[in-house]
């Protein structure tokens, strides 16, 4: 018995310093709302999960390694509040799964993580933060690998005079090292009430030849986005301009031909313009934006979205929300009004619900 107690005491003593230097946090979002979608082949009313923000459960932690160096990790999965299911079948941490090191020289992370391009949309460009029926994701290209990538190494520089740089490389992990790879970069400038960011995304959609698979060669798809917001006090203004070129540069959020007739064509040459505002009113905030998609291909399938929303903070963690969005599609364009989680099924949508973070 004495030997057992001594061994336990030694283990506890050895573990104590590590525990004192390690910080692990469990966090998440629980979001559900009523959604009404109209203008498609059928009108839909439903209870949806993740309308303002995708419902998620995550773990993040840091460990002080000494000398200004620390280790970090993030593991995050998405789920459906309305059904309790994981939102992506066959996955565990489908949203983020990364580990890295941070020092005075910057931060390096490896794993599945957000692209610099997508972070520009959510943190700088869009007053709706890519949620509600005003989500910029309805027209700006964020499908698939434009949002987050696997097999990624990312470097984020320390901030110097308000300037921060980011560089990401995602390996395609094919026989041809360039096939399927993706490169992203961003340059941010934050000073006073101004927040500006320039992002670039370069995506190779080639497929390398393997046994039973024929090689496929495609054009490179690129996205360039300049975004800024400025807090004037009474109103916070938002603006963004993007250029999308090449294969898979602007994949349609809903590819099921939601309006019937001739199936819409994905643009390989387009520009995006966003103007928005957030107006604080007591414990609430009025949100508004106008987004224009200018398709420069021969199909000329342009679209314009207008959106209005309102959020009301019951506390620092709980928010009520409501919003309405409407898209005008031209010449057979097939853009739909979705939200943070759903791509949407029609050209108009209303939603209202509650979001709680922990």
Protein backbone atom coordinates (compact mmCIF):
# COMPACT_ATOMS: atom_id res chain seq x y z
CA UNK A 1 0.00 0.00 0.00
CA UNK A 2 2.83 2.42 0.90
CA UNK A 3 4.52 1.76 -2.46
CA UNK A 4 1.24 2.42 -4.27
CA UNK A 5 0.71 5.72 -2.46
CA UNK A 6 4.31 6.77 -3.16
CA UNK A 7 3.95 5.96 -6.86
CA UNK A 8 0.73 7.95 -7.08
CA UNK A 9 2.35 10.92 -5.36
CA UNK A 10 5.30 10.84 -7.79
CA UNK A 11 2.99 10.71 -10.83
CA UNK A 12 0.92 13.60 -9.52
CA UNK A 13 4.04 15.67 -8.90
CA UNK A 14 5.33 14.98 -12.42
CA UNK A 15 1.98 15.82 -14.02
CA UNK A 16 1.37 19.03 -12.06
CA UNK A 17 3.77 21.31 -14.02
CA UNK A 18 2.34 20.16 -17.39
CA UNK A 19 -1.23 20.70 -16.22
CA UNK A 20 -0.36 24.15 -14.92
CA UNK A 21 0.98 25.16 -18.34
CA UNK A 22 -1.82 23.64 -20.42
CA UNK A 23 -5.15 25.32 -21.16
CA UNK A 24 -7.94 23.32 -22.82
CA UNK A 25 -11.34 24.84 -23.60
CA UNK A 26 -14.58 23.20 -24.72
CA UNK A 27 -16.63 25.61 -26.83
CA UNK A 28 -19.52 25.57 -29.24
CA UNK A 29 -22.58 27.11 -30.85
CA UNK A 30 -26.19 25.93 -30.59
CA UNK A 31 -28.28 27.60 -33.30
CA UNK A 32 -31.75 26.80 -34.60
CA UNK A 33 -34.35 28.80 -36.48
CA UNK A 34 -37.51 28.81 -38.55
CA UNK A 35 -36.77 29.10 -42.28
CA UNK A 36 -39.21 29.92 -45.09
CA UNK A 37 -37.82 29.56 -48.65
CA UNK A 38 -39.82 30.66 -51.71
CA UNK A 39 -39.35 31.16 -55.44
CA UNK A 40 -37.96 27.72 -56.31
CA UNK A 41 -39.76 24.73 -57.79
CA UNK A 42 -41.43 24.31 -54.38
CA UNK A 43 -41.87 26.57 -51.34
CA UNK A 44 -40.31 25.17 -48.16
CA UNK A 45 -40.94 25.85 -44.46
CA UNK A 46 -38.64 24.09 -41.99
CA UNK A 47 -36.75 24.18 -38.73
CA UNK A 48 -33.05 24.45 -39.57
CA UNK A 49 -29.84 24.20 -37.61
CA UNK A 50 -27.08 26.78 -37.90
CA UNK A 51 -28.98 29.63 -39.53
CA UNK A 52 -26.93 32.53 -38.14
CA UNK A 53 -23.85 30.43 -37.29
CA UNK A 54 -23.20 26.76 -37.96
CA UNK A 55 -23.92 24.66 -34.87
CA UNK A 56 -20.65 23.18 -33.63
CA UNK A 57 -18.75 21.55 -30.79
CA UNK A 58 -15.04 22.15 -30.43
CA UNK A 59 -11.96 21.70 -28.32
CA UNK A 60 -9.02 24.08 -28.38
CA UNK A 61 -5.95 24.23 -26.22
CA UNK A 62 -2.52 25.73 -25.74
CA UNK A 63 0.56 24.64 -23.86
CA UNK A 64 3.32 26.99 -22.78
CA UNK A 65 6.60 25.39 -23.87
CA UNK A 66 8.77 28.16 -22.46
CA UNK A 67 10.96 30.73 -24.15
CA UNK A 68 8.01 32.41 -25.86
CA UNK A 69 7.03 29.20 -27.65
CA UNK A 70 3.64 27.52 -27.25
CA UNK A 71 1.80 24.59 -28.80
CA UNK A 72 -1.83 24.81 -29.88
CA UNK A 73 -4.61 22.65 -31.31
CA UNK A 74 -8.20 22.92 -32.49
CA UNK A 75 -10.67 20.07 -33.06
CA UNK A 76 -14.14 21.11 -34.21
CA UNK A 77 -17.15 19.21 -35.52
CA UNK A 78 -20.48 20.42 -36.88
CA UNK A 79 -23.88 19.00 -35.97
CA UNK A 80 -27.57 19.58 -36.63
CA UNK A 81 -29.50 21.10 -33.74
CA UNK A 82 -32.84 20.14 -35.31
CA UNK A 83 -32.02 16.40 -35.45
CA UNK A 84 -28.93 15.87 -33.30
CA UNK A 85 -27.02 14.33 -36.21
CA UNK A 86 -23.45 15.09 -37.27
CA UNK A 87 -23.75 17.48 -40.22
CA UNK A 88 -21.28 15.57 -42.41
CA UNK A 89 -21.69 11.80 -42.50
CA UNK A 90 -18.56 9.71 -42.00
CA UNK A 91 -16.55 12.50 -40.38
CA UNK A 92 -15.56 13.45 -36.86
CA UNK A 93 -13.83 16.84 -36.88
CA UNK A 94 -14.97 17.96 -40.32
CA UNK A 95 -14.84 21.69 -39.58
CA UNK A 96 -11.34 22.08 -38.14
CA UNK A 97 -8.59 19.70 -37.09
CA UNK A 98 -5.21 21.33 -36.65
CA UNK A 99 -2.11 21.45 -34.48
CA UNK A 100 0.73 23.94 -34.48
CA UNK A 101 3.30 26.13 -32.79
CA UNK A 102 3.20 29.83 -31.96
CA UNK A 103 6.11 32.15 -31.17
CA UNK A 104 7.12 35.78 -31.56
CA UNK A 105 7.98 34.90 -35.18
CA UNK A 106 4.41 33.90 -35.97
CA UNK A 107 2.13 30.84 -35.95
CA UNK A 108 2.41 27.66 -38.02
CA UNK A 109 -0.50 25.19 -38.10
CA UNK A 110 -1.04 21.89 -39.90
CA UNK A 111 -4.31 20.11 -40.68
CA UNK A 112 -7.81 20.99 -41.85
CA UNK A 113 -8.46 24.72 -41.57
CA UNK A 114 -10.17 27.78 -43.03
CA UNK A 115 -8.73 29.43 -46.13
CA UNK A 116 -7.47 33.03 -45.94
CA UNK A 117 -10.06 33.86 -48.60
CA UNK A 118 -13.00 32.59 -46.54
CA UNK A 119 -11.74 34.32 -43.39
CA UNK A 120 -11.75 37.57 -45.35
CA UNK A 121 -15.44 37.16 -46.17
CA UNK A 122 -16.55 36.28 -42.64
CA UNK A 123 -14.39 38.65 -40.58
CA UNK A 124 -14.11 41.70 -42.83
CA UNK A 125 -16.43 41.78 -45.85
CA UNK A 126 -19.86 40.61 -44.74
CA UNK A 127 -21.99 42.39 -42.11
CA UNK A 128 -24.01 39.14 -41.83
CA UNK A 129 -20.78 37.20 -41.09
CA UNK A 130 -21.75 34.61 -43.72
CA UNK A 131 -24.98 33.79 -41.87
CA UNK A 132 -28.73 34.43 -42.01
CA UNK A 133 -30.50 34.98 -45.33
CA UNK A 134 -28.15 37.88 -46.05
CA UNK A 135 -25.10 35.60 -46.17
CA UNK A 136 -22.48 36.66 -48.69
CA UNK A 137 -22.01 32.94 -49.41
CA UNK A 138 -25.16 33.09 -51.55
CA UNK A 139 -23.24 34.91 -54.30
CA UNK A 140 -19.56 35.02 -53.32
CA UNK A 141 -17.77 31.73 -54.12
CA UNK A 142 -17.27 29.73 -50.91
CA UNK A 143 -18.28 26.20 -51.93
CA UNK A 144 -16.02 23.32 -50.87
CA UNK A 145 -12.30 24.04 -50.81
CA UNK A 146 -12.83 27.80 -50.99
CA UNK A 147 -14.06 27.62 -47.39
CA UNK A 148 -11.64 25.18 -45.76
CA UNK A 149 -8.98 22.75 -46.93
CA UNK A 150 -7.45 19.53 -45.64
CA UNK A 151 -3.74 18.63 -45.68
CA UNK A 152 -2.88 22.29 -45.12
CA UNK A 153 0.10 24.06 -43.62
CA UNK A 154 -0.54 27.72 -42.76
CA UNK A 155 1.71 30.51 -41.52
CA UNK A 156 0.34 33.67 -39.86
CA UNK A 157 2.82 36.44 -39.14
CA UNK A 158 2.83 38.55 -35.98
CA UNK A 159 1.19 41.95 -36.32
CA UNK A 160 3.59 44.78 -37.15
CA UNK A 161 2.29 48.37 -37.40
CA UNK A 162 -1.21 46.97 -37.92
CA UNK A 163 -0.13 44.64 -40.74
CA UNK A 164 -0.52 40.84 -40.65
CA UNK A 165 0.29 38.33 -43.39
CA UNK A 166 -0.99 34.80 -44.01
CA UNK A 167 0.19 32.05 -46.35
CA UNK A 168 -1.40 28.61 -46.78
CA UNK A 169 -0.46 25.56 -48.85
CA UNK A 170 -2.80 22.57 -49.23
CA UNK A 171 -1.31 19.42 -50.73
CA UNK A 172 -3.37 17.54 -53.30
CA UNK A 173 -1.60 14.33 -52.26
CA UNK A 174 -1.67 12.84 -55.76
CA UNK A 175 1.01 11.28 -57.98
CA UNK A 176 1.48 14.67 -59.61
CA UNK A 177 2.36 17.05 -56.77
CA UNK A 178 0.60 20.01 -58.41
CA UNK A 179 -2.67 18.15 -59.02
CA UNK A 180 -5.33 19.14 -56.51
CA UNK A 181 -3.09 21.51 -54.59
CA UNK A 182 -4.32 24.89 -53.34
CA UNK A 183 -2.49 28.06 -52.32
CA UNK A 184 -3.96 30.90 -50.30
CA UNK A 185 -2.65 34.20 -49.01
CA UNK A 186 -3.91 37.32 -47.26
CA UNK A 187 -2.61 40.68 -46.13
CA UNK A 188 -4.50 42.48 -43.36
CA UNK A 189 -4.28 46.07 -42.15
CA UNK A 190 -5.99 47.12 -38.92
CA UNK A 191 -5.64 50.58 -37.46
CA UNK A 192 -8.14 52.45 -35.33
CA UNK A 193 -11.63 51.92 -36.72
CA UNK A 194 -10.43 50.61 -40.09
CA UNK A 195 -10.13 46.92 -40.89
CA UNK A 196 -8.94 46.05 -44.43
CA UNK A 197 -7.86 42.78 -46.01
CA UNK A 198 -6.65 41.55 -49.39
CA UNK A 199 -6.99 37.80 -50.03
CA UNK A 200 -5.97 35.48 -52.86
CA UNK A 201 -6.87 31.85 -53.58
CA UNK A 202 -5.26 29.64 -56.26
CA UNK A 203 -6.85 26.22 -56.83
CA UNK A 204 -5.59 23.41 -59.07
CA UNK A 205 -8.43 21.05 -60.06
CA UNK A 206 -6.30 18.59 -62.07
CA UNK A 207 -6.54 14.86 -61.45
CA UNK A 208 -3.35 12.79 -61.70
CA UNK A 209 -3.40 9.46 -63.51
CA UNK A 210 -3.42 6.33 -61.35
CA UNK A 211 -4.51 2.74 -61.86
CA UNK A 212 -7.99 2.87 -63.36
CA UNK A 213 -8.09 6.69 -63.31
CA UNK A 214 -7.52 8.85 -66.38
CA UNK A 215 -5.61 12.09 -65.89
CA UNK A 216 -7.66 15.29 -66.15
CA UNK A 217 -6.11 18.68 -66.86
CA UNK A 218 -8.07 21.85 -66.10
CA UNK A 219 -7.46 25.59 -65.90
CA UNK A 220 -6.34 27.05 -62.59
CA UNK A 221 -9.15 28.68 -60.62
CA UNK A 222 -8.33 31.92 -58.81
CA UNK A 223 -10.16 34.24 -56.42
CA UNK A 224 -9.00 37.71 -55.43
CA UNK A 225 -10.94 39.68 -52.83
CA UNK A 226 -10.36 43.16 -51.41
CA UNK A 227 -12.54 43.94 -48.39
CA UNK A 228 -12.78 46.60 -45.71
CA UNK A 229 -15.04 47.83 -42.94
CA UNK A 230 -14.97 51.07 -40.98
CA UNK A 231 -16.77 51.92 -37.74
CA UNK A 232 -18.23 55.42 -38.03
CA UNK A 233 -19.90 55.12 -34.61
CA UNK A 234 -23.54 55.42 -35.62
CA UNK A 235 -22.99 52.87 -38.41
CA UNK A 236 -20.33 50.39 -39.44
CA UNK A 237 -19.82 50.33 -43.20
CA UNK A 238 -18.70 47.31 -45.25
CA UNK A 239 -17.40 47.00 -48.81
CA UNK A 240 -15.79 44.26 -50.88
CA UNK A 241 -14.78 43.64 -54.48
CA UNK A 242 -13.81 40.23 -55.83
CA UNK A 243 -12.55 38.73 -59.09
CA UNK A 244 -13.13 35.02 -59.84
CA UNK A 245 -11.54 33.28 -62.82
CA UNK A 246 -11.05 29.72 -64.01
CA UNK A 247 -12.51 26.27 -63.34
CA UNK A 248 -14.10 25.84 -59.89
CA UNK A 249 -13.48 29.49 -59.02
CA UNK A 250 -17.20 30.17 -58.49
CA UNK A 251 -19.14 26.93 -58.02
CA UNK A 252 -22.90 27.37 -57.53
CA UNK A 253 -24.01 26.77 -53.91
CA UNK A 254 -27.07 24.83 -55.12
CA UNK A 255 -26.33 22.64 -58.16
CA UNK A 256 -29.71 20.84 -58.26
CA UNK A 257 -31.28 23.19 -60.83
CA UNK A 258 -33.59 24.75 -58.17
CA UNK A 259 -35.71 26.79 -60.60
CA UNK A 260 -36.31 24.08 -63.23
CA UNK A 261 -35.87 24.59 -66.96
CA UNK A 262 -32.36 24.84 -68.41
CA UNK A 263 -29.72 24.06 -65.80
CA UNK A 264 -27.70 27.19 -64.80
CA UNK A 265 -24.06 27.34 -65.88
CA UNK A 266 -21.27 27.85 -63.33
CA UNK A 267 -19.33 31.01 -64.13
CA UNK A 268 -15.61 30.83 -64.86
CA UNK A 269 -15.17 34.60 -65.15
CA UNK A 270 -17.03 36.92 -62.79
CA UNK A 271 -16.74 39.82 -60.38
CA UNK A 272 -18.47 40.39 -57.04
CA UNK A 273 -19.37 43.69 -55.41
CA UNK A 274 -20.71 43.98 -51.84
CA UNK A 275 -21.89 47.08 -49.97
CA UNK A 276 -23.25 46.67 -46.44
CA UNK A 277 -23.90 48.22 -43.06
CA UNK A 278 -24.43 47.32 -39.41
CA UNK A 279 -26.33 49.85 -37.29
CA UNK A 280 -26.34 49.36 -33.50
CA UNK A 281 -29.68 50.15 -31.85
CA UNK A 282 -29.60 49.58 -28.10
CA UNK A 283 -29.01 45.87 -27.50
CA UNK A 284 -29.79 45.12 -31.14
CA UNK A 285 -28.12 45.59 -34.52
CA UNK A 286 -29.72 46.25 -37.91
CA UNK A 287 -27.88 44.51 -40.76
CA UNK A 288 -28.18 45.30 -44.47
CA UNK A 289 -26.29 44.49 -47.65
CA UNK A 290 -26.48 44.55 -51.43
CA UNK A 291 -24.36 42.11 -53.44
CA UNK A 292 -23.97 41.99 -57.22
CA UNK A 293 -22.58 39.06 -59.21
CA UNK A 294 -21.39 40.11 -62.68
CA UNK A 295 -20.94 37.06 -64.90
CA UNK A 296 -18.53 37.94 -67.70
CA UNK A 297 -18.90 34.70 -69.66
CA UNK A 298 -21.05 34.43 -72.80
CA UNK A 299 -23.97 33.22 -70.63
CA UNK A 300 -24.03 36.59 -68.80
CA UNK A 301 -25.92 35.05 -65.86
CA UNK A 302 -25.81 37.98 -63.43
CA UNK A 303 -27.51 38.14 -60.04
CA UNK A 304 -28.20 40.74 -57.36
CA UNK A 305 -29.04 40.07 -53.70
CA UNK A 306 -30.59 42.50 -51.23
CA UNK A 307 -30.91 41.57 -47.55
CA UNK A 308 -32.10 43.07 -44.29
CA UNK A 309 -31.67 41.56 -40.83
CA UNK A 310 -31.86 42.27 -37.13
CA UNK A 311 -30.10 40.66 -34.17
CA UNK A 312 -30.93 41.25 -30.51
CA UNK A 313 -28.49 40.32 -27.74
CA UNK A 314 -30.28 38.83 -24.74
CA UNK A 315 -26.83 38.37 -23.18
CA UNK A 316 -23.20 38.08 -24.29
CA UNK A 317 -23.89 34.51 -25.36
CA UNK A 318 -27.53 34.40 -26.48
CA UNK A 319 -28.90 36.26 -29.50
CA UNK A 320 -32.28 36.39 -31.22
CA UNK A 321 -32.22 36.99 -34.97
CA UNK A 322 -34.43 37.55 -37.98
CA UNK A 323 -33.64 38.36 -41.61
CA UNK A 324 -34.97 38.43 -45.16
CA UNK A 325 -33.03 38.01 -48.39
CA UNK A 326 -34.03 38.25 -52.04
CA UNK A 327 -32.00 37.43 -55.18
CA UNK A 328 -32.83 38.62 -58.68
CA UNK A 329 -31.40 36.11 -61.16
CA UNK A 330 -30.90 37.15 -64.77
CA UNK A 331 -30.73 35.13 -67.98
CA UNK A 332 -31.11 31.74 -66.30
CA UNK A 333 -28.78 32.27 -63.33
CA UNK A 334 -29.42 29.82 -60.49
CA UNK A 335 -28.36 31.49 -57.26
CA UNK A 336 -30.40 30.73 -54.14
CA UNK A 337 -30.93 32.44 -50.77
CA UNK A 338 -29.40 30.21 -48.10
CA UNK A 339 -27.85 30.85 -44.69
CA UNK A 340 -24.81 29.81 -42.65
CA UNK A 341 -25.54 26.08 -43.16
CA UNK A 342 -28.02 25.59 -46.02
CA UNK A 343 -27.56 26.54 -49.67
CA UNK A 344 -31.25 27.41 -49.98
CA UNK A 345 -33.87 26.29 -52.51
CA UNK A 346 -35.42 29.50 -53.84
CA UNK A 347 -34.71 33.12 -54.73
CA UNK A 348 -36.11 34.47 -51.43
CA UNK A 349 -35.95 33.40 -47.80
CA UNK A 350 -37.02 34.52 -44.36
CA UNK A 351 -35.56 33.17 -41.13
CA UNK A 352 -35.83 33.80 -37.42
CA UNK A 353 -34.33 31.97 -34.48
CA UNK A 354 -31.92 31.89 -31.55
CA UNK A 355 -28.17 31.42 -31.29
CA UNK A 356 -26.34 30.47 -28.08
CA UNK A 357 -22.57 30.18 -27.75
CA UNK A 358 -20.61 28.59 -24.93
